[in-house]
Amino acid sequence: MKSTEPRLTAADEWENRCAKLNGYLKALNLLKIEAKREKVEAERLKLKAEDDLKSVSDNLKVLEREKNLEAERRRDREAELDQEIQDLQKLVSDDKARADKAEASLAESERGCEELVQMAQDSVAATERALKAQVSLLLPNFNVS
């Protein structure tokens, strides 16, 4: 029995070691399964992040295109407004030139009218003097004042 006892003890030890090793193997397999899950989850998150990055990149490109189109529209509108301003400035300049001409013409007309009035006054005064001279000749004693 003595010879079988140590064998039983050694067998028990082997059994205990095997049980421990099986426990370790189960734990290792569970860790491997958990690592696989984590790897799959990490891959899923990586793919989601790549999709999100692609989506953001696409949105950024769309926004960039819209910004460029808006800038181009603003440049076109600015060019149109600049052209309108130039046209209006030309109209103002033409109107100012016409106003200056009209003002000069008015001043000339006023001078012509003043000359005409002066001529009329001179003519009336000359006629009055001529009438007074004729009356004085015809009626020398008549008071013409």
Protein backbone atom coordinates (compact mmCIF):
# COMPACT_ATOMS: atom_id res chain seq x y z
CA MET A 1 0.00 0.00 0.00
CA LYS A 2 2.77 2.19 0.66
CA SER A 3 3.82 1.93 -2.91
CA THR A 4 0.35 2.69 -4.13
CA GLU A 5 -0.13 5.59 -1.80
CA PRO A 6 2.60 7.68 -3.28
CA ARG A 7 1.30 6.85 -6.68
CA LEU A 8 -2.15 7.92 -5.66
CA THR A 9 -0.74 11.08 -4.29
CA ALA A 10 1.22 11.65 -7.43
CA ALA A 11 -1.88 10.85 -9.47
CA ASP A 12 -3.88 13.20 -7.29
CA GLU A 13 -1.22 15.82 -7.82
CA TRP A 14 -1.38 15.22 -11.54
CA GLU A 15 -5.14 15.41 -11.38
CA ASN A 16 -4.96 18.67 -9.42
CA ARG A 17 -2.41 20.06 -11.87
CA CYS A 18 -4.57 18.96 -14.79
CA ALA A 19 -7.61 20.59 -13.18
CA LYS A 20 -5.64 23.77 -12.63
CA LEU A 21 -4.33 23.64 -16.19
CA ASN A 22 -7.86 23.05 -17.48
CA GLY A 23 -8.98 26.04 -15.43
CA TYR A 24 -6.16 28.08 -16.89
CA LEU A 25 -7.04 26.82 -20.38
CA LYS A 26 -10.69 27.82 -19.86
CA ALA A 27 -9.59 31.23 -18.59
CA LEU A 28 -7.21 31.56 -21.53
CA ASN A 29 -9.96 30.58 -23.97
CA LEU A 30 -12.31 33.10 -22.32
CA LEU A 31 -9.60 35.74 -22.64
CA LYS A 32 -9.08 34.79 -26.29
CA ILE A 33 -12.84 35.05 -26.90
CA GLU A 34 -12.93 38.40 -25.10
CA ALA A 35 -9.90 39.58 -27.10
CA LYS A 36 -11.65 38.52 -30.33
CA ARG A 37 -14.76 40.42 -29.27
CA GLU A 38 -12.66 43.46 -28.43
CA LYS A 39 -10.84 43.14 -31.76
CA VAL A 40 -14.15 42.88 -33.65
CA GLU A 41 -15.53 45.83 -31.68
CA ALA A 42 -12.37 47.84 -32.37
CA GLU A 43 -12.62 46.98 -36.07
CA ARG A 44 -16.30 47.99 -36.08
CA LEU A 45 -15.44 51.27 -34.34
CA LYS A 46 -12.57 51.83 -36.78
CA LEU A 47 -14.91 51.28 -39.75
CA LYS A 48 -17.51 53.58 -38.18
CA ALA A 49 -14.84 56.23 -37.58
CA GLU A 50 -13.65 55.88 -41.19
CA ASP A 51 -17.25 56.22 -42.42
CA ASP A 52 -17.75 59.24 -40.17
CA LEU A 53 -14.50 60.74 -41.42
CA LYS A 54 -15.52 60.13 -45.03
CA SER A 55 -18.94 61.67 -44.35
CA VAL A 56 -17.39 64.71 -42.69
CA SER A 57 -14.90 64.99 -45.55
CA ASP A 58 -17.72 64.82 -48.10
CA ASN A 59 -19.71 67.40 -46.16
CA LEU A 60 -16.64 69.60 -45.99
CA LYS A 61 -16.18 69.31 -49.76
CA VAL A 62 -19.85 70.22 -50.30
CA LEU A 63 -19.54 73.19 -47.97
CA GLU A 64 -16.33 74.26 -49.70
CA ARG A 65 -18.06 74.09 -53.10
CA GLU A 66 -21.02 76.07 -51.74
CA LYS A 67 -18.64 78.65 -50.27
CA ASN A 68 -16.83 78.95 -53.60
CA LEU A 69 -20.14 79.31 -55.48
CA GLU A 70 -21.31 81.95 -53.01
CA ALA A 71 -18.02 83.82 -53.36
CA GLU A 72 -18.32 83.66 -57.15
CA ARG A 73 -21.92 84.94 -56.99
CA ARG A 74 -20.79 87.78 -54.74
CA ARG A 75 -17.93 88.66 -57.11
CA ASP A 76 -20.38 88.64 -60.05
CA ARG A 77 -22.85 90.80 -58.10
CA GLU A 78 -20.03 93.14 -57.10
CA ALA A 79 -18.98 93.45 -60.74
CA GLU A 80 -22.59 94.19 -61.72
CA LEU A 81 -22.87 96.81 -58.99
CA ASP A 82 -19.55 98.34 -60.03
CA GLN A 83 -20.83 98.56 -63.62
CA GLU A 84 -24.08 100.14 -62.38
CA ILE A 85 -22.08 102.64 -60.33
CA GLN A 86 -19.96 103.52 -63.36
CA ASP A 87 -23.11 103.92 -65.49
CA LEU A 88 -24.71 106.12 -62.84
CA GLN A 89 -21.54 108.19 -62.50
CA LYS A 90 -21.53 108.68 -66.27
CA LEU A 91 -25.20 109.73 -66.14
CA VAL A 92 -24.45 112.15 -63.30
CA SER A 93 -21.48 113.52 -65.21
CA ASP A 94 -23.59 113.93 -68.39
CA ASP A 95 -26.41 115.54 -66.39
CA LYS A 96 -23.93 117.88 -64.72
CA ALA A 97 -22.50 118.86 -68.13
CA ARG A 98 -26.04 119.49 -69.43
CA ALA A 99 -26.84 121.50 -66.29
CA ASP A 100 -23.67 123.55 -66.77
CA LYS A 101 -24.62 124.18 -70.41
CA ALA A 102 -28.17 125.09 -69.41
CA GLU A 103 -26.83 127.41 -66.71
CA ALA A 104 -24.49 129.07 -69.21
CA SER A 105 -27.34 129.37 -71.69
CA LEU A 106 -29.56 130.85 -68.99
CA ALA A 107 -26.88 133.36 -68.04
CA GLU A 108 -26.46 134.28 -71.71
CA SER A 109 -30.23 134.61 -72.09
CA GLU A 110 -30.39 136.79 -68.98
CA ARG A 111 -27.64 139.00 -70.42
CA GLY A 112 -29.54 139.12 -73.73
CA CYS A 113 -32.74 140.05 -71.88
CA GLU A 114 -30.93 142.70 -69.87
CA GLU A 115 -29.51 144.11 -73.10
CA LEU A 116 -32.97 143.97 -74.68
CA VAL A 117 -34.52 145.71 -71.66
CA GLN A 118 -31.75 148.30 -71.74
CA MET A 119 -32.30 148.81 -75.47
CA ALA A 120 -36.04 149.13 -74.89
CA GLN A 121 -35.48 151.65 -72.12
CA ASP A 122 -33.04 153.57 -74.30
CA SER A 123 -35.52 153.41 -77.16
CA VAL A 124 -38.38 154.65 -74.94
CA ALA A 125 -36.19 157.46 -73.60
CA ALA A 126 -35.10 158.41 -77.14
CA THR A 127 -38.71 158.35 -78.33
CA GLU A 128 -39.73 160.50 -75.36
CA ARG A 129 -36.98 163.00 -76.17
CA ALA A 130 -37.96 163.03 -79.85
CA LEU A 131 -41.63 163.58 -78.96
CA LYS A 132 -40.73 166.37 -76.56
CA ALA A 133 -38.55 167.97 -79.27
CA GLN A 134 -41.38 167.71 -81.83
CA VAL A 135 -43.93 169.12 -79.37
CA SER A 136 -41.51 171.94 -78.48
CA LEU A 137 -41.13 172.75 -82.18
CA LEU A 138 -44.83 172.62 -82.87
CA LEU A 139 -45.93 174.31 -79.68
CA PRO A 140 -43.05 176.33 -78.30
CA ASN A 141 -45.03 177.66 -75.32
CA PHE A 142 -46.31 174.16 -74.24
CA ASN A 143 -44.85 172.76 -71.02
CA VAL A 144 -43.56 169.26 -71.90
CA SER A 145 -42.27 168.42 -68.44
